[in-house]
Amino acid sequence: MPDIDVDVQAVRRLEAAAKRVATALTALESGITSAGDLPDGAFGHLPFVSDLLREKYAEQVTGGSELFRSGHDAFERVGGALAGTAEAYERNEQDIDASFKAIGAGTGR
């Protein structure tokens, strides 16, 4: 069975990148939400048509915000999973090191 060699620092860099993407998606979500704050009359004053345009625009803003929020949540989960993975590898390395030290102490080395 081949040894598994993991670059824990690379996993940490991926974790940081995932968290940066999550932060960027939050900023985009905020931008879309603020784009939804339109003044009265932004779509004119045509009966029925103006209200229809305003409703469709609001749907797009809401949908876009939800997509960016979902993206943020997904990248937060990825970042958390990568953090857990890196911590597990680090603990494993510490346990292996401690085991070798205990064996060395037990054999008088």
Protein backbone atom coordinates (compact mmCIF):
# COMPACT_ATOMS: atom_id res chain seq x y z
CA MET A 1 0.00 0.00 0.00
CA PRO A 2 1.54 3.36 -0.99
CA ASP A 3 2.14 6.07 1.60
CA ILE A 4 -0.07 9.11 1.44
CA ASP A 5 1.91 12.32 1.47
CA VAL A 6 -0.29 15.33 2.14
CA ASP A 7 0.88 18.92 1.83
CA VAL A 8 -1.06 20.32 4.79
CA GLN A 9 -0.02 23.88 3.92
CA ALA A 10 -1.57 23.42 0.46
CA VAL A 11 -4.80 22.29 2.14
CA ARG A 12 -4.62 25.40 4.37
CA ARG A 13 -4.13 27.59 1.29
CA LEU A 14 -7.20 26.01 -0.32
CA GLU A 15 -9.13 26.65 2.90
CA ALA A 16 -8.11 30.33 2.84
CA ALA A 17 -9.04 30.61 -0.85
CA ALA A 18 -12.48 29.09 -0.22
CA LYS A 19 -13.07 31.57 2.59
CA ARG A 20 -11.99 34.48 0.36
CA VAL A 21 -14.45 33.32 -2.32
CA ALA A 22 -17.20 33.11 0.32
CA THR A 23 -16.44 36.68 1.39
CA ALA A 24 -16.46 37.88 -2.21
CA LEU A 25 -19.82 36.22 -2.82
CA THR A 26 -21.23 37.99 0.23
CA ALA A 27 -20.06 41.30 -1.21
CA LEU A 28 -21.71 40.48 -4.53
CA GLU A 29 -24.92 39.53 -2.74
CA SER A 30 -24.88 42.89 -0.95
CA GLY A 31 -24.36 44.65 -4.27
CA ILE A 32 -27.31 42.90 -5.85
CA THR A 33 -29.49 43.61 -2.84
CA SER A 34 -28.65 47.30 -2.94
CA ALA A 35 -29.32 47.31 -6.70
CA GLY A 36 -32.85 46.28 -5.80
CA ASP A 37 -33.41 49.53 -3.91
CA LEU A 38 -34.90 51.59 -6.70
CA PRO A 39 -36.74 54.87 -6.35
CA ASP A 40 -40.46 55.05 -7.05
CA GLY A 41 -41.06 55.60 -10.72
CA ALA A 42 -37.85 53.87 -11.80
CA PHE A 43 -39.89 51.89 -14.31
CA GLY A 44 -42.05 54.79 -15.36
CA HIS A 45 -45.73 55.32 -14.75
CA LEU A 46 -47.37 53.14 -17.35
CA PRO A 47 -50.42 51.30 -16.03
CA PHE A 48 -49.77 47.58 -15.53
CA VAL A 49 -46.44 47.64 -17.42
CA SER A 50 -44.52 49.57 -14.76
CA ASP A 51 -45.77 47.27 -12.00
CA LEU A 52 -44.94 44.19 -14.08
CA LEU A 53 -41.40 45.44 -14.71
CA ARG A 54 -40.92 46.27 -11.03
CA GLU A 55 -42.12 42.76 -10.01
CA LYS A 56 -39.87 41.02 -12.54
CA TYR A 57 -36.91 43.12 -11.48
CA ALA A 58 -37.58 42.28 -7.82
CA GLU A 59 -37.73 38.57 -8.71
CA GLN A 60 -34.33 38.82 -10.41
CA VAL A 61 -32.81 40.65 -7.46
CA THR A 62 -34.21 38.11 -5.01
CA GLY A 63 -33.08 35.18 -7.15
CA GLY A 64 -29.60 36.63 -7.61
CA SER A 65 -29.25 37.28 -3.90
CA GLU A 66 -30.31 33.72 -3.11
CA LEU A 67 -27.79 32.31 -5.59
CA PHE A 68 -24.91 34.31 -4.15
CA ARG A 69 -25.98 33.41 -0.60
CA SER A 70 -26.04 29.73 -1.59
CA GLY A 71 -22.61 30.08 -3.18
CA HIS A 72 -21.31 31.75 -0.04
CA ASP A 73 -22.71 28.96 2.14
CA ALA A 74 -21.20 26.28 -0.11
CA PHE A 75 -17.74 27.85 -0.02
CA GLU A 76 -17.99 28.28 3.75
CA ARG A 77 -18.73 24.56 4.03
CA VAL A 78 -15.81 23.74 1.73
CA GLY A 79 -13.51 25.97 3.78
CA GLY A 80 -14.69 24.32 6.99
CA ALA A 81 -14.18 20.85 5.56
CA LEU A 82 -10.68 21.75 4.41
CA ALA A 83 -9.89 23.15 7.86
CA GLY A 84 -11.08 19.92 9.44
CA THR A 85 -9.03 17.89 6.99
CA ALA A 86 -5.87 19.88 7.68
CA GLU A 87 -6.40 19.60 11.44
CA ALA A 88 -6.92 15.85 11.17
CA TYR A 89 -3.70 15.42 9.19
CA GLU A 90 -1.82 17.59 11.69
CA ARG A 91 -3.18 15.59 14.65
CA ASN A 92 -2.30 12.36 12.86
CA GLU A 93 1.27 13.55 12.32
CA GLN A 94 1.53 14.56 15.99
CA ASP A 95 0.17 11.17 17.10
CA ILE A 96 2.62 9.31 14.87
CA ASP A 97 5.50 11.43 16.17
CA ALA A 98 4.42 10.80 19.78
CA SER A 99 4.19 7.06 19.07
CA PHE A 100 7.73 6.95 17.69
CA LYS A 101 8.99 8.90 20.72
CA ALA A 102 7.23 6.50 23.09
CA ILE A 103 8.69 3.51 21.27
CA GLY A 104 12.12 5.12 21.39
CA ALA A 105 11.77 5.80 25.12
CA GLY A 106 10.62 2.23 25.72
CA THR A 107 13.63 0.77 23.94
CA GLY A 108 16.08 3.08 25.69
CA ARG A 109 16.94 5.10 22.59
